[in-house]
Amino acid sequence: MKTANPVFGSTTFPSVRTAGPTMTIEGTIHRTGVLLLCVLVTALWTWNQFFTTRDPAVIAPYILIGALGGFVMALVTSFKKEWSAVTAPIYALLEGLFLGAVSAILEL
């Protein structure tokens, strides 16, 4: 099926087996755990920043940085898949900033 989506280009799912390392369930679980830890650390830090001051102006920049930075990292990862080992943790940290700040404001 032909698509204009750059993520699903003709080289996304090659039919020829590559010589690179194969993906395992164990590796997937470990990487998911590391990324989840990154999200939790920054979300809890942002949450703590808000509830020590109770001032939404303190965490407003974190919402902007997390949302825009996360969007940029998602775009970079989409177009440069070979950089994903670096961009995925950065995306997770930025997403944690955003989620922690928004959750704290909604809790208020």
PDB file of N, CA and C in Angstrom:
ATOM      1  N   MET A   1       0.844  -1.163   0.000  1.00  0.00           N
ATOM      2  CA  MET A   1       0.000   0.000   0.000  1.00  0.00           C
ATOM      3  C   MET A   1       0.897   1.235   0.000  1.00  0.00           C
ATOM      4  N   LYS A   2       0.629   2.167  -0.854  1.00  0.00           N
ATOM      5  CA  LYS A   2       1.430   3.371  -0.972  1.00  0.00           C
ATOM      6  C   LYS A   2       0.929   4.420   0.024  1.00  0.00           C
ATOM      7  N   THR A   3       1.868   5.116   0.669  1.00  0.00           N
ATOM      8  CA  THR A   3       1.515   6.131   1.647  1.00  0.00           C
ATOM      9  C   THR A   3       2.475   7.308   1.545  1.00  0.00           C
ATOM     10  N   ALA A   4       2.002   8.488   1.943  1.00  0.00           N
ATOM     11  CA  ALA A   4       2.842   9.681   1.966  1.00  0.00           C
ATOM     12  C   ALA A   4       3.465   9.893   3.341  1.00  0.00           C
ATOM     13  N   ASN A   5       3.145   9.057   4.298  1.00  0.00           N
ATOM     14  CA  ASN A   5       3.679   9.168   5.645  1.00  0.00           C
ATOM     15  C   ASN A   5       5.162   8.817   5.630  1.00  0.00           C
ATOM     16  N   PRO A   6       6.056   9.728   6.090  1.00  0.00           N
ATOM     17  CA  PRO A   6       7.494   9.437   6.051  1.00  0.00           C
ATOM     18  C   PRO A   6       7.912   8.323   7.000  1.00  0.00           C
ATOM     19  N   VAL A   7       7.124   8.061   8.013  1.00  0.00           N
ATOM     20  CA  VAL A   7       7.468   6.997   8.964  1.00  0.00           C
ATOM     21  C   VAL A   7       7.319   5.631   8.305  1.00  0.00           C
ATOM     22  N   PHE A   8       6.343   5.488   7.410  1.00  0.00           N
ATOM     23  CA  PHE A   8       6.089   4.214   6.754  1.00  0.00           C
ATOM     24  C   PHE A   8       6.551   4.239   5.307  1.00  0.00           C
ATOM     25  N   GLY A   9       7.804   4.606   5.091  1.00  0.00           N
ATOM     26  CA  GLY A   9       8.370   4.618   3.755  1.00  0.00           C
ATOM     27  C   GLY A   9       8.730   3.219   3.291  1.00  0.00           C
ATOM     28  N   SER A  10       9.299   3.149   2.105  1.00  0.00           N
ATOM     29  CA  SER A  10       9.638   1.849   1.524  1.00  0.00           C
ATOM     30  C   SER A  10      10.765   1.143   2.286  1.00  0.00           C
ATOM     31  N   THR A  11      11.548   1.888   3.047  1.00  0.00           N
ATOM     32  CA  THR A  11      12.660   1.283   3.791  1.00  0.00           C
ATOM     33  C   THR A  11      12.301   0.964   5.233  1.00  0.00           C
ATOM     34  N   THR A  12      11.077   1.211   5.645  1.00  0.00           N
ATOM     35  CA  THR A  12      10.690   0.963   7.034  1.00  0.00           C
ATOM     36  C   THR A  12      10.667  -0.528   7.343  1.00  0.00           C
ATOM     37  N   PHE A  13      10.058  -1.312   6.485  1.00  0.00           N
ATOM     38  CA  PHE A  13       9.952  -2.752   6.685  1.00  0.00           C
ATOM     39  C   PHE A  13      10.612  -3.465   5.514  1.00  0.00           C
ATOM     40  N   PRO A  14      11.944  -3.546   5.530  1.00  0.00           N
ATOM     41  CA  PRO A  14      12.607  -4.192   4.394  1.00  0.00           C
ATOM     42  C   PRO A  14      12.311  -5.699   4.359  1.00  0.00           C
ATOM     43  N   SER A  15      12.189  -6.201   3.149  1.00  0.00           N
ATOM     44  CA  SER A  15      11.894  -7.631   3.014  1.00  0.00           C
ATOM     45  C   SER A  15      13.151  -8.485   3.150  1.00  0.00           C
ATOM     46  N   VAL A  16      14.307  -7.890   2.972  1.00  0.00           N
ATOM     47  CA  VAL A  16      15.570  -8.613   3.095  1.00  0.00           C
ATOM     48  C   VAL A  16      16.042  -8.497   4.541  1.00  0.00           C
ATOM     49  N   ARG A  17      16.469  -9.614   5.111  1.00  0.00           N
ATOM     50  CA  ARG A  17      16.939  -9.604   6.498  1.00  0.00           C
ATOM     51  C   ARG A  17      18.261  -8.847   6.589  1.00  0.00           C
ATOM     52  N   THR A  18      18.358  -7.955   7.579  1.00  0.00           N
ATOM     53  CA  THR A  18      19.576  -7.165   7.754  1.00  0.00           C
ATOM     54  C   THR A  18      20.522  -7.883   8.700  1.00  0.00           C
ATOM     55  N   ALA A  19      21.760  -7.431   8.703  1.00  0.00           N
ATOM     56  CA  ALA A  19      22.775  -8.051   9.547  1.00  0.00           C
ATOM     57  C   ALA A  19      22.823  -7.429  10.935  1.00  0.00           C
ATOM     58  N   GLY A  20      21.936  -6.487  11.221  1.00  0.00           N
ATOM     59  CA  GLY A  20      21.924  -5.817  12.525  1.00  0.00           C
ATOM     60  C   GLY A  20      21.378  -6.709  13.612  1.00  0.00           C
ATOM     61  N   PRO A  21      21.427  -6.206  14.842  1.00  0.00           N
ATOM     62  CA  PRO A  21      20.918  -6.997  15.968  1.00  0.00           C
ATOM     63  C   PRO A  21      19.401  -7.151  15.888  1.00  0.00           C
ATOM     64  N   THR A  22      18.920  -8.302  16.336  1.00  0.00           N
ATOM     65  CA  THR A  22      17.481  -8.548  16.305  1.00  0.00           C
ATOM     66  C   THR A  22      16.836  -8.007  17.576  1.00  0.00           C
ATOM     67  N   MET A  23      15.574  -7.667  17.457  1.00  0.00           N
ATOM     68  CA  MET A  23      14.816  -7.150  18.588  1.00  0.00           C
ATOM     69  C   MET A  23      14.321  -8.321  19.431  1.00  0.00           C
ATOM     70  N   THR A  24      14.515  -8.213  20.750  1.00  0.00           N
ATOM     71  CA  THR A  24      14.053  -9.265  21.650  1.00  0.00           C
ATOM     72  C   THR A  24      13.017  -8.701  22.622  1.00  0.00           C
ATOM     73  N   ILE A  25      12.234  -9.585  23.212  1.00  0.00           N
ATOM     74  CA  ILE A  25      11.254  -9.170  24.208  1.00  0.00           C
ATOM     75  C   ILE A  25      11.965  -8.564  25.414  1.00  0.00           C
ATOM     76  N   GLU A  26      13.053  -9.180  25.836  1.00  0.00           N
ATOM     77  CA  GLU A  26      13.799  -8.682  26.992  1.00  0.00           C
ATOM     78  C   GLU A  26      14.342  -7.274  26.745  1.00  0.00           C
ATOM     79  N   GLY A  27      14.906  -7.051  25.574  1.00  0.00           N
ATOM     80  CA  GLY A  27      15.415  -5.726  25.232  1.00  0.00           C
ATOM     81  C   GLY A  27      14.312  -4.682  25.180  1.00  0.00           C
ATOM     82  N   THR A  28      13.161  -5.081  24.653  1.00  0.00           N
ATOM     83  CA  THR A  28      12.023  -4.167  24.587  1.00  0.00           C
ATOM     84  C   THR A  28      11.540  -3.803  25.974  1.00  0.00           C
ATOM     85  N   ILE A  29      11.476  -4.772  26.870  1.00  0.00           N
ATOM     86  CA  ILE A  29      11.037  -4.514  28.241  1.00  0.00           C
ATOM     87  C   ILE A  29      12.025  -3.598  28.959  1.00  0.00           C
ATOM     88  N   HIS A  30      13.306  -3.817  28.785  1.00  0.00           N
ATOM     89  CA  HIS A  30      14.314  -2.973  29.441  1.00  0.00           C
ATOM     90  C   HIS A  30      14.240  -1.535  28.933  1.00  0.00           C
ATOM     91  N   ARG A  31      14.138  -1.360  27.633  1.00  0.00           N
ATOM     92  CA  ARG A  31      14.078  -0.001  27.089  1.00  0.00           C
ATOM     93  C   ARG A  31      12.788   0.704  27.486  1.00  0.00           C
ATOM     94  N   THR A  32      11.694  -0.047  27.535  1.00  0.00           N
ATOM     95  CA  THR A  32      10.432   0.542  27.981  1.00  0.00           C
ATOM     96  C   THR A  32      10.541   0.977  29.438  1.00  0.00           C
ATOM     97  N   GLY A  33      11.176   0.172  30.252  1.00  0.00           N
ATOM     98  CA  GLY A  33      11.363   0.524  31.660  1.00  0.00           C
ATOM     99  C   GLY A  33      12.208   1.772  31.841  1.00  0.00           C
ATOM    100  N   VAL A  34      13.280   1.885  31.069  1.00  0.00           N
ATOM    101  CA  VAL A  34      14.155   3.063  31.162  1.00  0.00           C
ATOM    102  C   VAL A  34      13.398   4.315  30.734  1.00  0.00           C
ATOM    103  N   LEU A  35      12.644   4.225  29.642  1.00  0.00           N
ATOM    104  CA  LEU A  35      11.893   5.384  29.169  1.00  0.00           C
ATOM    105  C   LEU A  35      10.785   5.760  30.147  1.00  0.00           C
ATOM    106  N   LEU A  36      10.131   4.773  30.742  1.00  0.00           N
ATOM    107  CA  LEU A  36       9.099   5.058  31.733  1.00  0.00           C
ATOM    108  C   LEU A  36       9.709   5.714  32.967  1.00  0.00           C
ATOM    109  N   LEU A  37      10.878   5.272  33.364  1.00  0.00           N
ATOM    110  CA  LEU A  37      11.577   5.892  34.489  1.00  0.00           C
ATOM    111  C   LEU A  37      11.911   7.348  34.188  1.00  0.00           C
ATOM    112  N   CYS A  38      12.343   7.631  32.963  1.00  0.00           N
ATOM    113  CA  CYS A  38      12.633   9.017  32.561  1.00  0.00           C
ATOM    114  C   CYS A  38      11.383   9.882  32.662  1.00  0.00           C
ATOM    115  N   VAL A  39      10.253   9.370  32.181  1.00  0.00           N
ATOM    116  CA  VAL A  39       8.996  10.122  32.261  1.00  0.00           C
ATOM    117  C   VAL A  39       8.618  10.364  33.717  1.00  0.00           C
ATOM    118  N   LEU A  40       8.701   9.335  34.551  1.00  0.00           N
ATOM    119  CA  LEU A  40       8.303   9.464  35.950  1.00  0.00           C
ATOM    120  C   LEU A  40       9.179  10.434  36.726  1.00  0.00           C
ATOM    121  N   VAL A  41      10.469  10.408  36.480  1.00  0.00           N
ATOM    122  CA  VAL A  41      11.385  11.295  37.206  1.00  0.00           C
ATOM    123  C   VAL A  41      11.062  12.754  36.923  1.00  0.00           C
ATOM    124  N   THR A  42      10.933  13.118  35.650  1.00  0.00           N
ATOM    125  CA  THR A  42      10.665  14.519  35.341  1.00  0.00           C
ATOM    126  C   THR A  42       9.230  14.912  35.710  1.00  0.00           C
ATOM    127  N   ALA A  43       8.275  13.994  35.592  1.00  0.00           N
ATOM    128  CA  ALA A  43       6.898  14.311  35.984  1.00  0.00           C
ATOM    129  C   ALA A  43       6.809  14.543  37.490  1.00  0.00           C
ATOM    130  N   LEU A  44       7.451  13.698  38.281  1.00  0.00           N
ATOM    131  CA  LEU A  44       7.432  13.877  39.730  1.00  0.00           C
ATOM    132  C   LEU A  44       8.168  15.145  40.147  1.00  0.00           C
ATOM    133  N   TRP A  45       9.244  15.466  39.463  1.00  0.00           N
ATOM    134  CA  TRP A  45       9.985  16.688  39.776  1.00  0.00           C
ATOM    135  C   TRP A  45       9.125  17.920  39.495  1.00  0.00           C
ATOM    136  N   THR A  46       8.446  17.936  38.356  1.00  0.00           N
ATOM    137  CA  THR A  46       7.581  19.056  38.010  1.00  0.00           C
ATOM    138  C   THR A  46       6.409  19.146  38.981  1.00  0.00           C
ATOM    139  N   TRP A  47       5.819  18.007  39.301  1.00  0.00           N
ATOM    140  CA  TRP A  47       4.719  17.953  40.269  1.00  0.00           C
ATOM    141  C   TRP A  47       5.171  18.546  41.608  1.00  0.00           C
ATOM    142  N   ASN A  48       6.352  18.169  42.059  1.00  0.00           N
ATOM    143  CA  ASN A  48       6.902  18.678  43.315  1.00  0.00           C
ATOM    144  C   ASN A  48       7.147  20.177  43.246  1.00  0.00           C
ATOM    145  N   GLN A  49       7.644  20.672  42.131  1.00  0.00           N
ATOM    146  CA  GLN A  49       7.864  22.109  41.969  1.00  0.00           C
ATOM    147  C   GLN A  49       6.569  22.885  42.143  1.00  0.00           C
ATOM    148  N   PHE A  50       5.498  22.350  41.597  1.00  0.00           N
ATOM    149  CA  PHE A  50       4.217  23.037  41.697  1.00  0.00           C
ATOM    150  C   PHE A  50       3.672  23.019  43.117  1.00  0.00           C
ATOM    151  N   PHE A  51       3.703  21.876  43.772  1.00  0.00           N
ATOM    152  CA  PHE A  51       3.072  21.769  45.081  1.00  0.00           C
ATOM    153  C   PHE A  51       3.922  22.328  46.211  1.00  0.00           C
ATOM    154  N   THR A  52       5.163  22.714  45.962  1.00  0.00           N
ATOM    155  CA  THR A  52       5.917  23.440  46.988  1.00  0.00           C
ATOM    156  C   THR A  52       5.588  24.927  46.951  1.00  0.00           C
ATOM    157  N   THR A  53       5.184  25.453  45.788  1.00  0.00           N
ATOM    158  CA  THR A  53       4.867  26.876  45.668  1.00  0.00           C
ATOM    159  C   THR A  53       3.381  27.152  45.486  1.00  0.00           C
ATOM    160  N   ARG A  54       2.635  26.195  44.951  1.00  0.00           N
ATOM    161  CA  ARG A  54       1.208  26.350  44.618  1.00  0.00           C
ATOM    162  C   ARG A  54       0.967  27.522  43.674  1.00  0.00           C
ATOM    163  N   ASP A  55       1.942  27.789  42.812  1.00  0.00           N
ATOM    164  CA  ASP A  55       1.828  28.892  41.859  1.00  0.00           C
ATOM    165  C   ASP A  55       1.916  28.337  40.440  1.00  0.00           C
ATOM    166  N   PRO A  56       0.840  28.432  39.651  1.00  0.00           N
ATOM    167  CA  PRO A  56       0.880  27.907  38.282  1.00  0.00           C
ATOM    168  C   PRO A  56       1.922  28.580  37.396  1.00  0.00           C
ATOM    169  N   ALA A  57       2.298  29.806  37.726  1.00  0.00           N
ATOM    170  CA  ALA A  57       3.301  30.510  36.916  1.00  0.00           C
ATOM    171  C   ALA A  57       4.677  29.850  37.011  1.00  0.00           C
ATOM    172  N   VAL A  58       4.902  29.117  38.091  1.00  0.00           N
ATOM    173  CA  VAL A  58       6.198  28.451  38.265  1.00  0.00           C
ATOM    174  C   VAL A  58       6.379  27.328  37.243  1.00  0.00           C
ATOM    175  N   ILE A  59       5.297  26.605  36.944  1.00  0.00           N
ATOM    176  CA  ILE A  59       5.442  25.465  36.044  1.00  0.00           C
ATOM    177  C   ILE A  59       4.938  25.721  34.628  1.00  0.00           C
ATOM    178  N   ALA A  60       4.449  26.917  34.356  1.00  0.00           N
ATOM    179  CA  ALA A  60       3.986  27.234  32.995  1.00  0.00           C
ATOM    180  C   ALA A  60       5.089  27.047  31.956  1.00  0.00           C
ATOM    181  N   PRO A  61       6.330  27.452  32.232  1.00  0.00           N
ATOM    182  CA  PRO A  61       7.385  27.202  31.231  1.00  0.00           C
ATOM    183  C   PRO A  61       7.621  25.715  30.962  1.00  0.00           C
ATOM    184  N   TYR A  62       7.404  24.874  31.967  1.00  0.00           N
ATOM    185  CA  TYR A  62       7.608  23.438  31.778  1.00  0.00           C
ATOM    186  C   TYR A  62       6.584  22.844  30.818  1.00  0.00           C
ATOM    187  N   ILE A  63       5.378  23.381  30.850  1.00  0.00           N
ATOM    188  CA  ILE A  63       4.353  22.921  29.909  1.00  0.00           C
ATOM    189  C   ILE A  63       4.786  23.259  28.489  1.00  0.00           C
ATOM    190  N   LEU A  64       5.237  24.481  28.287  1.00  0.00           N
ATOM    191  CA  LEU A  64       5.662  24.914  26.956  1.00  0.00           C
ATOM    192  C   LEU A  64       6.906  24.155  26.482  1.00  0.00           C
ATOM    193  N   ILE A  65       7.889  24.041  27.348  1.00  0.00           N
ATOM    194  CA  ILE A  65       9.125  23.329  26.982  1.00  0.00           C
ATOM    195  C   ILE A  65       8.833  21.858  26.707  1.00  0.00           C
ATOM    196  N   GLY A  66       8.031  21.243  27.549  1.00  0.00           N
ATOM    197  CA  GLY A  66       7.716  19.826  27.375  1.00  0.00           C
ATOM    198  C   GLY A  66       6.929  19.560  26.108  1.00  0.00           C
ATOM    199  N   ALA A  67       5.916  20.382  25.838  1.00  0.00           N
ATOM    200  CA  ALA A  67       5.073  20.157  24.663  1.00  0.00           C
ATOM    201  C   ALA A  67       5.828  20.436  23.364  1.00  0.00           C
ATOM    202  N   LEU A  68       6.458  21.591  23.275  1.00  0.00           N
ATOM    203  CA  LEU A  68       7.171  21.931  22.033  1.00  0.00           C
ATOM    204  C   LEU A  68       8.423  21.082  21.843  1.00  0.00           C
ATOM    205  N   GLY A  69       9.174  20.875  22.911  1.00  0.00           N
ATOM    206  CA  GLY A  69      10.362  20.039  22.812  1.00  0.00           C
ATOM    207  C   GLY A  69      10.026  18.598  22.469  1.00  0.00           C
ATOM    208  N   GLY A  70       8.959  18.073  23.070  1.00  0.00           N
ATOM    209  CA  GLY A  70       8.516  16.720  22.754  1.00  0.00           C
ATOM    210  C   GLY A  70       8.084  16.586  21.309  1.00  0.00           C
ATOM    211  N   PHE A  71       7.377  17.605  20.813  1.00  0.00           N
ATOM    212  CA  PHE A  71       6.953  17.590  19.413  1.00  0.00           C
ATOM    213  C   PHE A  71       8.159  17.599  18.471  1.00  0.00           C
ATOM    214  N   VAL A  72       9.143  18.415  18.775  1.00  0.00           N
ATOM    215  CA  VAL A  72      10.354  18.478  17.936  1.00  0.00           C
ATOM    216  C   VAL A  72      11.095  17.141  17.981  1.00  0.00           C
ATOM    217  N   MET A  73      11.225  16.560  19.162  1.00  0.00           N
ATOM    218  CA  MET A  73      11.910  15.265  19.271  1.00  0.00           C
ATOM    219  C   MET A  73      11.146  14.170  18.537  1.00  0.00           C
ATOM    220  N   ALA A  74       9.814  14.214  18.550  1.00  0.00           N
ATOM    221  CA  ALA A  74       9.021  13.232  17.809  1.00  0.00           C
ATOM    222  C   ALA A  74       9.264  13.380  16.307  1.00  0.00           C
ATOM    223  N   LEU A  75       9.343  14.603  15.843  1.00  0.00           N
ATOM    224  CA  LEU A  75       9.622  14.826  14.419  1.00  0.00           C
ATOM    225  C   LEU A  75      11.026  14.362  14.046  1.00  0.00           C
ATOM    226  N   VAL A  76      11.988  14.690  14.879  1.00  0.00           N
ATOM    227  CA  VAL A  76      13.371  14.270  14.599  1.00  0.00           C
ATOM    228  C   VAL A  76      13.461  12.750  14.562  1.00  0.00           C
ATOM    229  N   THR A  77      12.811  12.090  15.501  1.00  0.00           N
ATOM    230  CA  THR A  77      12.832  10.625  15.538  1.00  0.00           C
ATOM    231  C   THR A  77      12.143  10.030  14.321  1.00  0.00           C
ATOM    232  N   SER A  78      11.091  10.674  13.851  1.00  0.00           N
ATOM    233  CA  SER A  78      10.375  10.167  12.678  1.00  0.00           C
ATOM    234  C   SER A  78      11.235  10.207  11.428  1.00  0.00           C
ATOM    235  N   PHE A  79      12.017  11.267  11.288  1.00  0.00           N
ATOM    236  CA  PHE A  79      12.802  11.419  10.068  1.00  0.00           C
ATOM    237  C   PHE A  79      14.210  10.835  10.171  1.00  0.00           C
ATOM    238  N   LYS A  80      14.747  10.719  11.363  1.00  0.00           N
ATOM    239  CA  LYS A  80      16.091  10.154  11.567  1.00  0.00           C
ATOM    240  C   LYS A  80      15.999   8.999  12.556  1.00  0.00           C
ATOM    241  N   LYS A  81      15.532   7.853  12.079  1.00  0.00           N
ATOM    242  CA  LYS A  81      15.317   6.702  12.960  1.00  0.00           C
ATOM    243  C   LYS A  81      16.607   6.200  13.606  1.00  0.00           C
ATOM    244  N   GLU A  82      17.732   6.399  12.948  1.00  0.00           N
ATOM    245  CA  GLU A  82      19.003   5.933  13.503  1.00  0.00           C
ATOM    246  C   GLU A  82      19.421   6.747  14.730  1.00  0.00           C
ATOM    247  N   TRP A  83      18.811   7.885  14.980  1.00  0.00           N
ATOM    248  CA  TRP A  83      19.100   8.704  16.153  1.00  0.00           C
ATOM    249  C   TRP A  83      18.211   8.346  17.339  1.00  0.00           C
ATOM    250  N   SER A  84      17.345   7.373  17.195  1.00  0.00           N
ATOM    251  CA  SER A  84      16.332   7.095  18.219  1.00  0.00           C
ATOM    252  C   SER A  84      16.927   6.689  19.566  1.00  0.00           C
ATOM    253  N   ALA A  85      18.119   6.152  19.595  1.00  0.00           N
ATOM    254  CA  ALA A  85      18.741   5.792  20.874  1.00  0.00           C
ATOM    255  C   ALA A  85      18.990   7.037  21.726  1.00  0.00           C
ATOM    256  N   VAL A  86      19.164   8.182  21.081  1.00  0.00           N
ATOM    257  CA  VAL A  86      19.386   9.440  21.793  1.00  0.00           C
ATOM    258  C   VAL A  86      18.091  10.230  21.934  1.00  0.00           C
ATOM    259  N   THR A  87      17.288  10.266  20.876  1.00  0.00           N
ATOM    260  CA  THR A  87      16.089  11.106  20.901  1.00  0.00           C
ATOM    261  C   THR A  87      14.959  10.529  21.753  1.00  0.00           C
ATOM    262  N   ALA A  88      14.886   9.228  21.900  1.00  0.00           N
ATOM    263  CA  ALA A  88      13.808   8.624  22.698  1.00  0.00           C
ATOM    264  C   ALA A  88      13.903   9.020  24.180  1.00  0.00           C
ATOM    265  N   PRO A  89      15.073   8.937  24.827  1.00  0.00           N
ATOM    266  CA  PRO A  89      15.136   9.390  26.225  1.00  0.00           C
ATOM    267  C   PRO A  89      14.887  10.892  26.373  1.00  0.00           C
ATOM    268  N   ILE A  90      15.354  11.686  25.417  1.00  0.00           N
ATOM    269  CA  ILE A  90      15.095  13.126  25.476  1.00  0.00           C
ATOM    270  C   ILE A  90      13.599  13.385  25.362  1.00  0.00           C
ATOM    271  N   TYR A  91      12.939  12.682  24.446  1.00  0.00           N
ATOM    272  CA  TYR A  91      11.491  12.805  24.298  1.00  0.00           C
ATOM    273  C   TYR A  91      10.778  12.407  25.597  1.00  0.00           C
ATOM    274  N   ALA A  92      11.214  11.329  26.211  1.00  0.00           N
ATOM    275  CA  ALA A  92      10.580  10.862  27.444  1.00  0.00           C
ATOM    276  C   ALA A  92      10.749  11.883  28.569  1.00  0.00           C
ATOM    277  N   LEU A  93      11.921  12.489  28.679  1.00  0.00           N
ATOM    278  CA  LEU A  93      12.143  13.508  29.707  1.00  0.00           C
ATOM    279  C   LEU A  93      11.261  14.730  29.471  1.00  0.00           C
ATOM    280  N   LEU A  94      11.172  15.172  28.228  1.00  0.00           N
ATOM    281  CA  LEU A  94      10.332  16.319  27.903  1.00  0.00           C
ATOM    282  C   LEU A  94       8.850  16.011  28.117  1.00  0.00           C
ATOM    283  N   GLU A  95       8.451  14.815  27.758  1.00  0.00           N
ATOM    284  CA  GLU A  95       7.058  14.421  27.951  1.00  0.00           C
ATOM    285  C   GLU A  95       6.719  14.353  29.437  1.00  0.00           C
ATOM    286  N   GLY A  96       7.668  13.947  30.255  1.00  0.00           N
ATOM    287  CA  GLY A  96       7.458  13.943  31.698  1.00  0.00           C
ATOM    288  C   GLY A  96       7.258  15.344  32.251  1.00  0.00           C
ATOM    289  N   LEU A  97       8.023  16.314  31.737  1.00  0.00           N
ATOM    290  CA  LEU A  97       7.823  17.707  32.157  1.00  0.00           C
ATOM    291  C   LEU A  97       6.396  18.146  31.867  1.00  0.00           C
ATOM    292  N   PHE A  98       5.951  17.873  30.659  1.00  0.00           N
ATOM    293  CA  PHE A  98       4.615  18.272  30.244  1.00  0.00           C
ATOM    294  C   PHE A  98       3.538  17.562  31.070  1.00  0.00           C
ATOM    295  N   LEU A  99       3.643  16.255  31.194  1.00  0.00           N
ATOM    296  CA  LEU A  99       2.623  15.497  31.910  1.00  0.00           C
ATOM    297  C   LEU A  99       2.556  15.854  33.396  1.00  0.00           C
ATOM    298  N   GLY A 100       3.706  16.049  34.013  1.00  0.00           N
ATOM    299  CA  GLY A 100       3.720  16.429  35.422  1.00  0.00           C
ATOM    300  C   GLY A 100       3.110  17.795  35.657  1.00  0.00           C
ATOM    301  N   ALA A 101       3.412  18.753  34.788  1.00  0.00           N
ATOM    302  CA  ALA A 101       2.882  20.104  34.942  1.00  0.00           C
ATOM    303  C   ALA A 101       1.380  20.146  34.694  1.00  0.00           C
ATOM    304  N   VAL A 102       0.941  19.505  33.638  1.00  0.00           N
ATOM    305  CA  VAL A 102      -0.498  19.500  33.333  1.00  0.00           C
ATOM    306  C   VAL A 102      -1.264  18.748  34.417  1.00  0.00           C
ATOM    307  N   SER A 103      -0.743  17.643  34.889  1.00  0.00           N
ATOM    308  CA  SER A 103      -1.410  16.878  35.948  1.00  0.00           C
ATOM    309  C   SER A 103      -1.513  17.692  37.234  1.00  0.00           C
ATOM    310  N   ALA A 104      -0.463  18.436  37.558  1.00  0.00           N
ATOM    311  CA  ALA A 104      -0.495  19.247  38.771  1.00  0.00           C
ATOM    312  C   ALA A 104      -1.528  20.364  38.665  1.00  0.00           C
ATOM    313  N   ILE A 105      -1.621  20.994  37.520  1.00  0.00           N
ATOM    314  CA  ILE A 105      -2.617  22.066  37.334  1.00  0.00           C
ATOM    315  C   ILE A 105      -4.025  21.488  37.378  1.00  0.00           C
ATOM    316  N   LEU A 106      -4.230  20.343  36.752  1.00  0.00           N
ATOM    317  CA  LEU A 106      -5.561  19.730  36.793  1.00  0.00           C
ATOM    318  C   LEU A 106      -5.917  19.270  38.200  1.00  0.00           C
ATOM    319  N   GLU A 107      -4.934  18.856  38.981  1.00  0.00           N
ATOM    320  CA  GLU A 107      -5.176  18.460  40.363  1.00  0.00           C
ATOM    321  C   GLU A 107      -5.616  19.657  41.207  1.00  0.00           C
ATOM    322  N   LEU A 108      -5.072  20.840  40.902  1.00  0.00           N
ATOM    323  CA  LEU A 108      -5.422  22.047  41.641  1.00  0.00           C
ATOM    324  C   LEU A 108      -6.884  22.373  41.410  1.00  0.00           C
TER     325      LEU A 108
END
